[in-house]
PDB file of N, CA and C in Angstrom:
ATOM      1  N   UNK A   1      12.011  -7.155 -28.935  1.00  0.00           N
ATOM      2  CA  UNK A   1      11.228  -6.539 -27.889  1.00  0.00           C
ATOM      3  C   UNK A   1      10.644  -7.612 -26.980  1.00  0.00           C
ATOM      4  N   UNK A   2      10.836  -7.429 -25.707  1.00  0.00           N
ATOM      5  CA  UNK A   2      10.357  -8.420 -24.758  1.00  0.00           C
ATOM      6  C   UNK A   2       8.871  -8.219 -24.469  1.00  0.00           C
ATOM      7  N   UNK A   3       8.201  -9.313 -24.274  1.00  0.00           N
ATOM      8  CA  UNK A   3       6.793  -9.259 -23.903  1.00  0.00           C
ATOM      9  C   UNK A   3       6.680  -8.940 -22.422  1.00  0.00           C
ATOM     10  N   UNK A   4       5.775  -8.107 -22.067  1.00  0.00           N
ATOM     11  CA  UNK A   4       5.495  -7.741 -20.681  1.00  0.00           C
ATOM     12  C   UNK A   4       4.092  -8.211 -20.307  1.00  0.00           C
ATOM     13  N   UNK A   5       3.848  -9.502 -20.557  1.00  0.00           N
ATOM     14  CA  UNK A   5       2.519 -10.053 -20.365  1.00  0.00           C
ATOM     15  C   UNK A   5       2.062  -9.929 -18.913  1.00  0.00           C
ATOM     16  N   UNK A   6       2.896 -10.319 -17.960  1.00  0.00           N
ATOM     17  CA  UNK A   6       2.500 -10.269 -16.562  1.00  0.00           C
ATOM     18  C   UNK A   6       2.350  -8.833 -16.075  1.00  0.00           C
ATOM     19  N   UNK A   7       3.197  -7.950 -16.550  1.00  0.00           N
ATOM     20  CA  UNK A   7       3.101  -6.542 -16.153  1.00  0.00           C
ATOM     21  C   UNK A   7       1.752  -5.974 -16.575  1.00  0.00           C
ATOM     22  N   UNK A   8       1.365  -6.235 -17.793  1.00  0.00           N
ATOM     23  CA  UNK A   8       0.098  -5.713 -18.306  1.00  0.00           C
ATOM     24  C   UNK A   8      -1.081  -6.338 -17.586  1.00  0.00           C
ATOM     25  N   UNK A   9      -1.075  -7.650 -17.454  1.00  0.00           N
ATOM     26  CA  UNK A   9      -2.201  -8.347 -16.826  1.00  0.00           C
ATOM     27  C   UNK A   9      -2.357  -7.945 -15.363  1.00  0.00           C
ATOM     28  N   UNK A  10      -1.274  -7.921 -14.618  1.00  0.00           N
ATOM     29  CA  UNK A  10      -1.386  -7.576 -13.203  1.00  0.00           C
ATOM     30  C   UNK A  10      -1.723  -6.102 -12.998  1.00  0.00           C
ATOM     31  N   UNK A  11      -1.259  -5.233 -13.875  1.00  0.00           N
ATOM     32  CA  UNK A  11      -1.661  -3.823 -13.787  1.00  0.00           C
ATOM     33  C   UNK A  11      -3.156  -3.692 -14.039  1.00  0.00           C
ATOM     34  N   UNK A  12      -3.671  -4.426 -15.001  1.00  0.00           N
ATOM     35  CA  UNK A  12      -5.112  -4.407 -15.261  1.00  0.00           C
ATOM     36  C   UNK A  12      -5.903  -4.975 -14.086  1.00  0.00           C
ATOM     37  N   UNK A  13      -5.372  -5.990 -13.425  1.00  0.00           N
ATOM     38  CA  UNK A  13      -6.041  -6.531 -12.238  1.00  0.00           C
ATOM     39  C   UNK A  13      -6.095  -5.476 -11.138  1.00  0.00           C
ATOM     40  N   UNK A  14      -4.996  -4.770 -10.924  1.00  0.00           N
ATOM     41  CA  UNK A  14      -4.985  -3.699  -9.933  1.00  0.00           C
ATOM     42  C   UNK A  14      -5.970  -2.601 -10.281  1.00  0.00           C
ATOM     43  N   UNK A  15      -6.031  -2.232 -11.549  1.00  0.00           N
ATOM     44  CA  UNK A  15      -6.976  -1.204 -11.986  1.00  0.00           C
ATOM     45  C   UNK A  15      -8.418  -1.687 -11.818  1.00  0.00           C
ATOM     46  N   UNK A  16      -8.677  -2.939 -12.137  1.00  0.00           N
ATOM     47  CA  UNK A  16     -10.024  -3.491 -11.969  1.00  0.00           C
ATOM     48  C   UNK A  16     -10.423  -3.522 -10.499  1.00  0.00           C
ATOM     49  N   UNK A  17      -9.490  -3.858  -9.640  1.00  0.00           N
ATOM     50  CA  UNK A  17      -9.742  -3.863  -8.205  1.00  0.00           C
ATOM     51  C   UNK A  17     -10.157  -2.470  -7.734  1.00  0.00           C
ATOM     52  N   UNK A  18      -9.449  -1.459  -8.182  1.00  0.00           N
ATOM     53  CA  UNK A  18      -9.779  -0.075  -7.813  1.00  0.00           C
ATOM     54  C   UNK A  18     -11.112   0.349  -8.412  1.00  0.00           C
ATOM     55  N   UNK A  19     -11.373  -0.047  -9.648  1.00  0.00           N
ATOM     56  CA  UNK A  19     -12.622   0.307 -10.294  1.00  0.00           C
ATOM     57  C   UNK A  19     -13.815  -0.323  -9.575  1.00  0.00           C
ATOM     58  N   UNK A  20     -13.693  -1.572  -9.188  1.00  0.00           N
ATOM     59  CA  UNK A  20     -14.761  -2.257  -8.453  1.00  0.00           C
ATOM     60  C   UNK A  20     -15.055  -1.516  -7.148  1.00  0.00           C
ATOM     61  N   UNK A  21     -14.024  -1.093  -6.469  1.00  0.00           N
ATOM     62  CA  UNK A  21     -14.227  -0.347  -5.227  1.00  0.00           C
ATOM     63  C   UNK A  21     -14.826   1.023  -5.513  1.00  0.00           C
ATOM     64  N   UNK A  22     -14.335   1.701  -6.536  1.00  0.00           N
ATOM     65  CA  UNK A  22     -14.789   3.051  -6.861  1.00  0.00           C
ATOM     66  C   UNK A  22     -16.273   3.102  -7.233  1.00  0.00           C
ATOM     67  N   UNK A  23     -16.738   2.113  -8.002  1.00  0.00           N
ATOM     68  CA  UNK A  23     -18.144   2.140  -8.429  1.00  0.00           C
ATOM     69  C   UNK A  23     -19.084   1.563  -7.378  1.00  0.00           C
ATOM     70  N   UNK A  24     -18.551   1.106  -6.256  1.00  0.00           N
ATOM     71  CA  UNK A  24     -19.393   0.704  -5.138  1.00  0.00           C
ATOM     72  C   UNK A  24     -19.729  -0.766  -5.053  1.00  0.00           C
ATOM     73  N   UNK A  25     -19.051  -1.603  -5.801  1.00  0.00           N
ATOM     74  CA  UNK A  25     -19.319  -3.039  -5.734  1.00  0.00           C
ATOM     75  C   UNK A  25     -18.552  -3.731  -4.606  1.00  0.00           C
ATOM     76  N   UNK A  26     -17.807  -2.954  -3.845  1.00  0.00           N
ATOM     77  CA  UNK A  26     -17.042  -3.461  -2.697  1.00  0.00           C
ATOM     78  C   UNK A  26     -17.439  -2.635  -1.463  1.00  0.00           C
ATOM     79  N   UNK A  27     -18.712  -2.768  -1.031  1.00  0.00           N
ATOM     80  CA  UNK A  27     -19.226  -1.855  -0.012  1.00  0.00           C
ATOM     81  C   UNK A  27     -18.540  -1.968   1.350  1.00  0.00           C
ATOM     82  N   UNK A  28     -18.022  -3.096   1.687  1.00  0.00           N
ATOM     83  CA  UNK A  28     -17.355  -3.249   2.979  1.00  0.00           C
ATOM     84  C   UNK A  28     -15.836  -3.160   2.864  1.00  0.00           C
ATOM     85  N   UNK A  29     -15.342  -2.758   1.696  1.00  0.00           N
ATOM     86  CA  UNK A  29     -13.916  -2.565   1.436  1.00  0.00           C
ATOM     87  C   UNK A  29     -13.088  -3.838   1.572  1.00  0.00           C
ATOM     88  N   UNK A  30     -13.718  -4.976   1.542  1.00  0.00           N
ATOM     89  CA  UNK A  30     -12.993  -6.226   1.757  1.00  0.00           C
ATOM     90  C   UNK A  30     -12.037  -6.537   0.618  1.00  0.00           C
ATOM     91  N   UNK A  31     -12.451  -6.345  -0.620  1.00  0.00           N
ATOM     92  CA  UNK A  31     -11.565  -6.647  -1.745  1.00  0.00           C
ATOM     93  C   UNK A  31     -10.364  -5.702  -1.764  1.00  0.00           C
ATOM     94  N   UNK A  32     -10.638  -4.416  -1.636  1.00  0.00           N
ATOM     95  CA  UNK A  32      -9.549  -3.442  -1.710  1.00  0.00           C
ATOM     96  C   UNK A  32      -8.548  -3.654  -0.583  1.00  0.00           C
ATOM     97  N   UNK A  33      -9.028  -3.807   0.639  1.00  0.00           N
ATOM     98  CA  UNK A  33      -8.106  -3.972   1.758  1.00  0.00           C
ATOM     99  C   UNK A  33      -7.412  -5.334   1.752  1.00  0.00           C
ATOM    100  N   UNK A  34      -8.032  -6.328   1.147  1.00  0.00           N
ATOM    101  CA  UNK A  34      -7.412  -7.653   1.092  1.00  0.00           C
ATOM    102  C   UNK A  34      -6.335  -7.756   0.019  1.00  0.00           C
ATOM    103  N   UNK A  35      -6.536  -7.073  -1.105  1.00  0.00           N
ATOM    104  CA  UNK A  35      -5.645  -7.258  -2.238  1.00  0.00           C
ATOM    105  C   UNK A  35      -4.786  -6.046  -2.575  1.00  0.00           C
ATOM    106  N   UNK A  36      -4.859  -4.993  -1.798  1.00  0.00           N
ATOM    107  CA  UNK A  36      -4.013  -3.823  -2.015  1.00  0.00           C
ATOM    108  C   UNK A  36      -2.854  -3.865  -1.024  1.00  0.00           C
ATOM    109  N   UNK A  37      -1.701  -4.236  -1.517  1.00  0.00           N
ATOM    110  CA  UNK A  37      -0.525  -4.377  -0.658  1.00  0.00           C
ATOM    111  C   UNK A  37      -0.184  -3.079   0.085  1.00  0.00           C
ATOM    112  N   UNK A  38      -0.215  -1.908  -0.558  1.00  0.00           N
ATOM    113  CA  UNK A  38       0.087  -0.683   0.191  1.00  0.00           C
ATOM    114  C   UNK A  38      -0.884  -0.433   1.351  1.00  0.00           C
ATOM    115  N   UNK A  39      -2.144  -0.811   1.166  1.00  0.00           N
ATOM    116  CA  UNK A  39      -3.118  -0.583   2.233  1.00  0.00           C
ATOM    117  C   UNK A  39      -2.925  -1.526   3.420  1.00  0.00           C
ATOM    118  N   UNK A  40      -2.149  -2.572   3.256  1.00  0.00           N
ATOM    119  CA  UNK A  40      -1.829  -3.441   4.395  1.00  0.00           C
ATOM    120  C   UNK A  40      -0.967  -2.695   5.409  1.00  0.00           C
ATOM    121  N   UNK A  41      -0.151  -1.758   4.912  1.00  0.00           N
ATOM    122  CA  UNK A  41       0.813  -1.079   5.767  1.00  0.00           C
ATOM    123  C   UNK A  41       0.346   0.281   6.282  1.00  0.00           C
ATOM    124  N   UNK A  42      -0.727   0.799   5.752  1.00  0.00           N
ATOM    125  CA  UNK A  42      -1.211   2.115   6.181  1.00  0.00           C
ATOM    126  C   UNK A  42      -1.531   2.160   7.672  1.00  0.00           C
ATOM    127  N   UNK A  43      -2.204   1.162   8.243  1.00  0.00           N
ATOM    128  CA  UNK A  43      -2.526   1.256   9.675  1.00  0.00           C
ATOM    129  C   UNK A  43      -1.302   1.353  10.597  1.00  0.00           C
ATOM    130  N   UNK A  44      -0.153   0.981  10.104  1.00  0.00           N
ATOM    131  CA  UNK A  44       1.064   1.106  10.905  1.00  0.00           C
ATOM    132  C   UNK A  44       1.428   2.571  11.089  1.00  0.00           C
ATOM    133  N   UNK A  45       1.182   3.380  10.061  1.00  0.00           N
ATOM    134  CA  UNK A  45       1.636   4.765  10.056  1.00  0.00           C
ATOM    135  C   UNK A  45       0.527   5.796  10.275  1.00  0.00           C
ATOM    136  N   UNK A  46      -0.693   5.469   9.900  1.00  0.00           N
ATOM    137  CA  UNK A  46      -1.771   6.458   9.990  1.00  0.00           C
ATOM    138  C   UNK A  46      -3.114   5.752  10.105  1.00  0.00           C
ATOM    139  N   UNK A  47      -4.125   6.524  10.395  1.00  0.00           N
ATOM    140  CA  UNK A  47      -5.488   6.008  10.413  1.00  0.00           C
ATOM    141  C   UNK A  47      -5.944   5.815   8.966  1.00  0.00           C
ATOM    142  N   UNK A  48      -6.522   4.685   8.696  1.00  0.00           N
ATOM    143  CA  UNK A  48      -6.912   4.343   7.327  1.00  0.00           C
ATOM    144  C   UNK A  48      -7.925   5.336   6.769  1.00  0.00           C
ATOM    145  N   UNK A  49      -8.719   5.954   7.628  1.00  0.00           N
ATOM    146  CA  UNK A  49      -9.729   6.919   7.165  1.00  0.00           C
ATOM    147  C   UNK A  49      -9.114   8.237   6.726  1.00  0.00           C
ATOM    148  N   UNK A  50      -7.857   8.490   7.104  1.00  0.00           N
ATOM    149  CA  UNK A  50      -7.191   9.739   6.736  1.00  0.00           C
ATOM    150  C   UNK A  50      -6.446   9.663   5.406  1.00  0.00           C
ATOM    151  N   UNK A  51      -6.406   8.488   4.807  1.00  0.00           N
ATOM    152  CA  UNK A  51      -5.657   8.293   3.559  1.00  0.00           C
ATOM    153  C   UNK A  51      -6.500   8.758   2.376  1.00  0.00           C
ATOM    154  N   UNK A  52      -5.880   9.496   1.480  1.00  0.00           N
ATOM    155  CA  UNK A  52      -6.544   9.929   0.252  1.00  0.00           C
ATOM    156  C   UNK A  52      -6.833   8.686  -0.588  1.00  0.00           C
ATOM    157  N   UNK A  53      -8.089   8.459  -0.892  1.00  0.00           N
ATOM    158  CA  UNK A  53      -8.495   7.246  -1.602  1.00  0.00           C
ATOM    159  C   UNK A  53      -7.891   7.162  -2.995  1.00  0.00           C
ATOM    160  N   UNK A  54      -7.767   8.285  -3.685  1.00  0.00           N
ATOM    161  CA  UNK A  54      -7.186   8.266  -5.032  1.00  0.00           C
ATOM    162  C   UNK A  54      -5.698   7.929  -4.980  1.00  0.00           C
ATOM    163  N   UNK A  55      -5.027   8.387  -3.949  1.00  0.00           N
ATOM    164  CA  UNK A  55      -3.615   8.026  -3.776  1.00  0.00           C
ATOM    165  C   UNK A  55      -3.492   6.529  -3.481  1.00  0.00           C
ATOM    166  N   UNK A  56      -4.424   5.986  -2.701  1.00  0.00           N
ATOM    167  CA  UNK A  56      -4.434   4.545  -2.426  1.00  0.00           C
ATOM    168  C   UNK A  56      -4.679   3.753  -3.711  1.00  0.00           C
ATOM    169  N   UNK A  57      -5.573   4.249  -4.555  1.00  0.00           N
ATOM    170  CA  UNK A  57      -5.806   3.592  -5.848  1.00  0.00           C
ATOM    171  C   UNK A  57      -4.527   3.610  -6.686  1.00  0.00           C
ATOM    172  N   UNK A  58      -3.878   4.751  -6.745  1.00  0.00           N
ATOM    173  CA  UNK A  58      -2.632   4.880  -7.507  1.00  0.00           C
ATOM    174  C   UNK A  58      -1.583   3.888  -7.003  1.00  0.00           C
ATOM    175  N   UNK A  59      -1.400   3.839  -5.683  1.00  0.00           N
ATOM    176  CA  UNK A  59      -0.406   2.919  -5.120  1.00  0.00           C
ATOM    177  C   UNK A  59      -0.774   1.462  -5.363  1.00  0.00           C
ATOM    178  N   UNK A  60      -2.051   1.156  -5.351  1.00  0.00           N
ATOM    179  CA  UNK A  60      -2.503  -0.214  -5.614  1.00  0.00           C
ATOM    180  C   UNK A  60      -2.168  -0.622  -7.039  1.00  0.00           C
ATOM    181  N   UNK A  61      -2.483   0.237  -8.000  1.00  0.00           N
ATOM    182  CA  UNK A  61      -2.205  -0.080  -9.409  1.00  0.00           C
ATOM    183  C   UNK A  61      -0.700  -0.188  -9.645  1.00  0.00           C
ATOM    184  N   UNK A  62       0.069   0.720  -9.075  1.00  0.00           N
ATOM    185  CA  UNK A  62       1.529   0.684  -9.241  1.00  0.00           C
ATOM    186  C   UNK A  62       2.116  -0.574  -8.610  1.00  0.00           C
ATOM    187  N   UNK A  63       1.640  -0.944  -7.420  1.00  0.00           N
ATOM    188  CA  UNK A  63       2.202  -2.133  -6.770  1.00  0.00           C
ATOM    189  C   UNK A  63       1.886  -3.402  -7.561  1.00  0.00           C
ATOM    190  N   UNK A  64       0.674  -3.503  -8.107  1.00  0.00           N
ATOM    191  CA  UNK A  64       0.350  -4.656  -8.938  1.00  0.00           C
ATOM    192  C   UNK A  64       1.199  -4.676 -10.210  1.00  0.00           C
ATOM    193  N   UNK A  65       1.418  -3.493 -10.781  1.00  0.00           N
ATOM    194  CA  UNK A  65       2.276  -3.402 -11.965  1.00  0.00           C
ATOM    195  C   UNK A  65       3.713  -3.803 -11.661  1.00  0.00           C
ATOM    196  N   UNK A  66       4.219  -3.378 -10.509  1.00  0.00           N
ATOM    197  CA  UNK A  66       5.583  -3.749 -10.120  1.00  0.00           C
ATOM    198  C   UNK A  66       5.717  -5.250  -9.869  1.00  0.00           C
ATOM    199  N   UNK A  67       4.682  -5.861  -9.302  1.00  0.00           N
ATOM    200  CA  UNK A  67       4.716  -7.317  -9.117  1.00  0.00           C
ATOM    201  C   UNK A  67       4.769  -8.018 -10.475  1.00  0.00           C
ATOM    202  N   UNK A  68       3.986  -7.535 -11.433  1.00  0.00           N
ATOM    203  CA  UNK A  68       4.014  -8.103 -12.783  1.00  0.00           C
ATOM    204  C   UNK A  68       5.359  -7.910 -13.447  1.00  0.00           C
ATOM    205  N   UNK A  69       5.941  -6.729 -13.267  1.00  0.00           N
ATOM    206  CA  UNK A  69       7.260  -6.458 -13.831  1.00  0.00           C
ATOM    207  C   UNK A  69       8.312  -7.404 -13.237  1.00  0.00           C
ATOM    208  N   UNK A  70       8.233  -7.640 -11.941  1.00  0.00           N
ATOM    209  CA  UNK A  70       9.186  -8.555 -11.291  1.00  0.00           C
ATOM    210  C   UNK A  70       9.037  -9.972 -11.844  1.00  0.00           C
ATOM    211  N   UNK A  71       7.821 -10.397 -12.065  1.00  0.00           N
ATOM    212  CA  UNK A  71       7.599 -11.734 -12.637  1.00  0.00           C
ATOM    213  C   UNK A  71       8.138 -11.785 -14.062  1.00  0.00           C
ATOM    214  N   UNK A  72       7.843 -10.764 -14.867  1.00  0.00           N
ATOM    215  CA  UNK A  72       8.367 -10.718 -16.244  1.00  0.00           C
ATOM    216  C   UNK A  72       9.892 -10.734 -16.261  1.00  0.00           C
ATOM    217  N   UNK A  73      10.505  -9.970 -15.369  1.00  0.00           N
ATOM    218  CA  UNK A  73      11.962  -9.921 -15.290  1.00  0.00           C
ATOM    219  C   UNK A  73      12.525 -11.296 -14.943  1.00  0.00           C
ATOM    220  N   UNK A  74      11.921 -11.969 -13.978  1.00  0.00           N
ATOM    221  CA  UNK A  74      12.399 -13.293 -13.588  1.00  0.00           C
ATOM    222  C   UNK A  74      12.211 -14.311 -14.715  1.00  0.00           C
ATOM    223  N   UNK A  75      11.085 -14.263 -15.403  1.00  0.00           N
ATOM    224  CA  UNK A  75      10.831 -15.190 -16.516  1.00  0.00           C
ATOM    225  C   UNK A  75      11.854 -14.960 -17.625  1.00  0.00           C
ATOM    226  N   UNK A  76      12.117 -13.694 -17.947  1.00  0.00           N
ATOM    227  CA  UNK A  76      13.100 -13.385 -18.990  1.00  0.00           C
ATOM    228  C   UNK A  76      14.492 -13.875 -18.587  1.00  0.00           C
ATOM    229  N   UNK A  77      14.849 -13.662 -17.334  1.00  0.00           N
ATOM    230  CA  UNK A  77      16.151 -14.120 -16.839  1.00  0.00           C
ATOM    231  C   UNK A  77      16.255 -15.643 -16.907  1.00  0.00           C
ATOM    232  N   UNK A  78      15.177 -16.326 -16.529  1.00  0.00           N
ATOM    233  CA  UNK A  78      15.165 -17.786 -16.574  1.00  0.00           C
ATOM    234  C   UNK A  78      15.291 -18.276 -18.010  1.00  0.00           C
ATOM    235  N   UNK A  79      14.563 -17.672 -18.941  1.00  0.00           N
ATOM    236  CA  UNK A  79      14.617 -18.103 -20.345  1.00  0.00           C
ATOM    237  C   UNK A  79      15.978 -17.835 -20.954  1.00  0.00           C
ATOM    238  N   UNK A  80      16.590 -16.695 -20.610  1.00  0.00           N
ATOM    239  CA  UNK A  80      17.908 -16.369 -21.127  1.00  0.00           C
ATOM    240  C   UNK A  80      18.937 -17.372 -20.623  1.00  0.00           C
ATOM    241  N   UNK A  81      18.867 -17.701 -19.354  1.00  0.00           N
ATOM    242  CA  UNK A  81      19.804 -18.661 -18.777  1.00  0.00           C
ATOM    243  C   UNK A  81      19.576 -20.046 -19.375  1.00  0.00           C
ATOM    244  N   UNK A  82      18.343 -20.413 -19.612  1.00  0.00           N
ATOM    245  CA  UNK A  82      18.032 -21.732 -20.143  1.00  0.00           C
ATOM    246  C   UNK A  82      18.509 -21.872 -21.578  1.00  0.00           C
ATOM    247  N   UNK A  83      18.376 -20.804 -22.376  1.00  0.00           N
ATOM    248  CA  UNK A  83      18.817 -20.854 -23.779  1.00  0.00           C
ATOM    249  C   UNK A  83      20.325 -20.778 -23.927  1.00  0.00           C
ATOM    250  N   UNK A  84      21.004 -20.233 -22.949  1.00  0.00           N
ATOM    251  CA  UNK A  84      22.468 -20.121 -23.066  1.00  0.00           C
ATOM    252  C   UNK A  84      23.174 -21.407 -22.697  1.00  0.00           C
ATOM    253  N   UNK A  85      22.464 -22.337 -22.120  1.00  0.00           N
ATOM    254  CA  UNK A  85      23.107 -23.610 -21.730  1.00  0.00           C
ATOM    255  C   UNK A  85      23.188 -24.568 -22.877  1.00  0.00           C
TER     256      UNK A  85
END
């Protein structure tokens, strides 16, 4: 069984980012808008005030998880290639 260390850690970071915003510790939305990749693209398509905040949280957590998964996949590929040589 492969370890998914980066997937887990980055998903938790995304969840923590959303939690910090949800409980009000990010009053000017600087953390959420700076570190939520999906929210970077929302102004292209719609007004940011019209976006469902819970959907934005979901997309933020998923995007952080996908970044972790991509890193885990690359690390596994690198280790497999290195051991086969």
